Amino acid sequence: MPKQTRPATQENATGIVKALKENKEAAQAVEKAADELAVVHAVLDSELPKESISPDANQAVERASQIEKQLTASSEKLKEVNESLERELSKGSP
């Protein structure tokens, strides 16, 4: 007797649902890291007098700001991808 399998479209949808869940978790982790880095940058930027810190430390503070902006942009992109995946999944729902 032939082995019964789920239709390919149902398997694809299941895979997309799993990917969407994992992507949402990744988006939350990236957003949390961006938020935490923004706080670190704000504290360093406001608490350290620019004249008294080394050029390397000043560069590190500025780099923290750049990384925070990159993480925020990545988080936003992940959210957009998640919304697209949700729209595609809803199209396939009866």
Protein backbone atom coordinates (compact mmCIF):
# COMPACT_ATOMS: atom_id res chain seq x y z
CA MET A 1 0.00 0.00 0.00
CA PRO A 2 1.43 3.43 -0.86
CA LYS A 3 2.63 5.60 1.96
CA GLN A 4 0.28 8.50 2.66
CA THR A 5 1.89 11.92 2.81
CA ARG A 6 0.59 15.41 3.29
CA PRO A 7 0.17 17.49 0.17
CA ALA A 8 3.23 19.53 -0.75
CA THR A 9 1.40 22.80 -0.20
CA GLN A 10 0.50 21.85 3.36
CA GLU A 11 4.12 20.85 4.04
CA ASN A 12 5.29 24.17 2.58
CA ALA A 13 2.83 26.08 4.76
CA THR A 14 4.01 24.19 7.82
CA GLY A 15 7.60 25.07 6.96
CA ILE A 16 6.69 28.72 6.46
CA VAL A 17 4.82 28.83 9.78
CA LYS A 18 7.88 27.41 11.52
CA ALA A 19 10.20 29.86 9.72
CA LEU A 20 7.91 32.74 10.61
CA LYS A 21 7.93 31.78 14.29
CA GLU A 22 11.72 31.53 14.31
CA ASN A 23 12.03 34.80 12.40
CA LYS A 24 9.78 36.57 14.91
CA GLU A 25 11.96 35.29 17.75
CA ALA A 26 15.07 36.52 15.93
CA ALA A 27 13.45 39.91 15.35
CA GLN A 28 12.67 40.22 19.05
CA ALA A 29 16.24 39.28 19.99
CA VAL A 30 17.70 41.81 17.54
CA GLU A 31 15.32 44.52 18.77
CA LYS A 32 16.22 43.79 22.40
CA ALA A 33 19.95 43.93 21.59
CA ALA A 34 19.47 47.24 19.76
CA ASP A 35 17.55 48.69 22.70
CA GLU A 36 20.17 47.57 25.20
CA LEU A 37 22.98 48.92 23.05
CA ALA A 38 21.14 52.24 22.72
CA VAL A 39 21.02 52.49 26.52
CA VAL A 40 24.71 51.64 26.83
CA HIS A 41 25.57 54.21 24.19
CA ALA A 42 23.44 56.89 25.86
CA VAL A 43 25.08 56.30 29.24
CA LEU A 44 28.58 56.30 27.81
CA ASP A 45 27.91 59.34 25.67
CA SER A 46 26.41 61.38 28.48
CA GLU A 47 28.55 60.23 31.41
CA LEU A 48 32.02 60.33 29.88
CA PRO A 49 33.46 63.78 29.30
CA LYS A 50 34.69 63.82 25.72
CA GLU A 51 37.85 65.74 26.64
CA SER A 52 39.01 63.20 29.20
CA ILE A 53 38.52 59.91 27.36
CA SER A 54 41.01 58.40 25.00
CA PRO A 55 40.44 58.55 21.25
CA ASP A 56 39.98 54.76 21.26
CA ALA A 57 37.25 54.97 23.89
CA ASN A 58 35.57 57.78 21.98
CA GLN A 59 35.65 55.65 18.82
CA ALA A 60 34.14 52.75 20.76
CA VAL A 61 31.27 54.97 21.91
CA GLU A 62 30.66 56.11 18.35
CA ARG A 63 30.87 52.53 17.06
CA ALA A 64 28.27 51.48 19.62
CA SER A 65 25.95 54.08 18.13
CA GLN A 66 26.55 52.79 14.60
CA ILE A 67 25.95 49.19 15.64
CA GLU A 68 22.74 50.15 17.45
CA LYS A 69 21.48 51.82 14.26
CA GLN A 70 22.37 48.73 12.20
CA LEU A 71 20.56 46.46 14.65
CA THR A 72 17.51 48.70 14.61
CA ALA A 73 17.43 48.65 10.81
CA SER A 74 17.82 44.86 10.82
CA SER A 75 14.99 44.53 13.32
CA GLU A 76 12.73 46.65 11.12
CA LYS A 77 13.61 44.57 8.06
CA LEU A 78 12.84 41.36 9.95
CA LYS A 79 9.45 42.79 10.94
CA GLU A 80 8.70 43.60 7.29
CA VAL A 81 9.64 40.06 6.25
CA ASN A 82 7.43 38.65 8.99
CA GLU A 83 4.48 40.74 7.81
CA SER A 84 5.03 39.51 4.24
CA LEU A 85 5.14 35.91 5.40
CA GLU A 86 1.95 36.38 7.42
CA ARG A 87 0.18 37.89 4.38
CA GLU A 88 1.27 34.98 2.20
CA LEU A 89 0.12 32.46 4.78
CA SER A 90 -3.26 34.15 5.10
CA LYS A 91 -3.74 33.96 1.32
CA GLY A 92 -3.40 30.20 1.51
CA SER A 93 -5.85 29.82 4.38
CA PRO A 94 -9.36 28.68 3.46
